[in-house]
Amino acid sequence: MPEARKEEVLAFDHVTAGYGNAVVLDRLDFSLQRGESLAILGRNGVGKTTLLETLMGNTRVMQGAIRWQGADITRWPSHQRVRAGLGWVPQEREVFPSLTVEENLTVIARLGGWNLKRVYDFFPRLRERRGNYGNQLSGGEQQMLAIGRALMTNPKLLLLDEPMEGLAPIIVEELSAAIRRLCESEGLASIVVEQHPVLALEMTHQAIVLERGTAVHAGPSAGLAADRGLLEGLLGVGIAEDLAR
């Protein structure tokens, strides 16, 4: 039987972007298929978070175009991108501290397959803590809440910026499994920026390594994870501990 035709949901076409006159991303070019997950790797300051910020409309695009499901969204405001299906989980989590878990989830909810019950089924701990305020949660619970809140907007693409930062290993294992399940079982595309490269590669199908805002490597995550020499060469000093996991 012929292979099923993949459906492109996102594309960066030679995008140059940054803040004011400062260029951070330089002619970046990549695409993402429906249900596919992508790891964004690189040293500190190479533009990983800026890539996500550019997707959400928070930077200045100087050249190139961003396509979402075939539409040019380069000049769309952030709220229009959220309505179109981009779900954002920021590095700071930005949980509302004075709202309960349930209020955090429902305050930005949009109609669709992801509702309160489904999020609680996906993260049972949030159901247990539904009456607690955002500032009463552990770091892991806050990250579950941040992901759950993004799911309540019923996205087609989930953007995760350092989702495992500062979390205990057992929570990292639980959340990384949840992220993989979202792609494999739910058909949700995702882009993951993560400081631990091996963990990021375990969670994703494809990977891009950035250097000075340009992609210096792109390919299957499994292949890059298997080539420790290439991975260390691309990411340099500081990943030996991660490679030894």
Foldseek 3Di string as FASTA:
>chain_A
DDDDDWAWFKWWQQWWWAADPDTQAGGATDTDTFLFEEEEAAEPRNCPVVVVCQLQVNIDTDDTFMDGSRHTCNPPHNVVSLLVFEFEQDPVLPAQQADFLQCSQPVQADDDDQDPVNLCVLPVVCVVRRGHGLNVDDLLVSLSSSVSSSCRSVHQEYEEEASCPPHDPVSLVSVLVSLLCCSPVVRRYYYYYHHQLLSSLVSGQKYFYGGSNYTPDIDGSVVLLVCVVVVCVRHDPDRPVSNVD
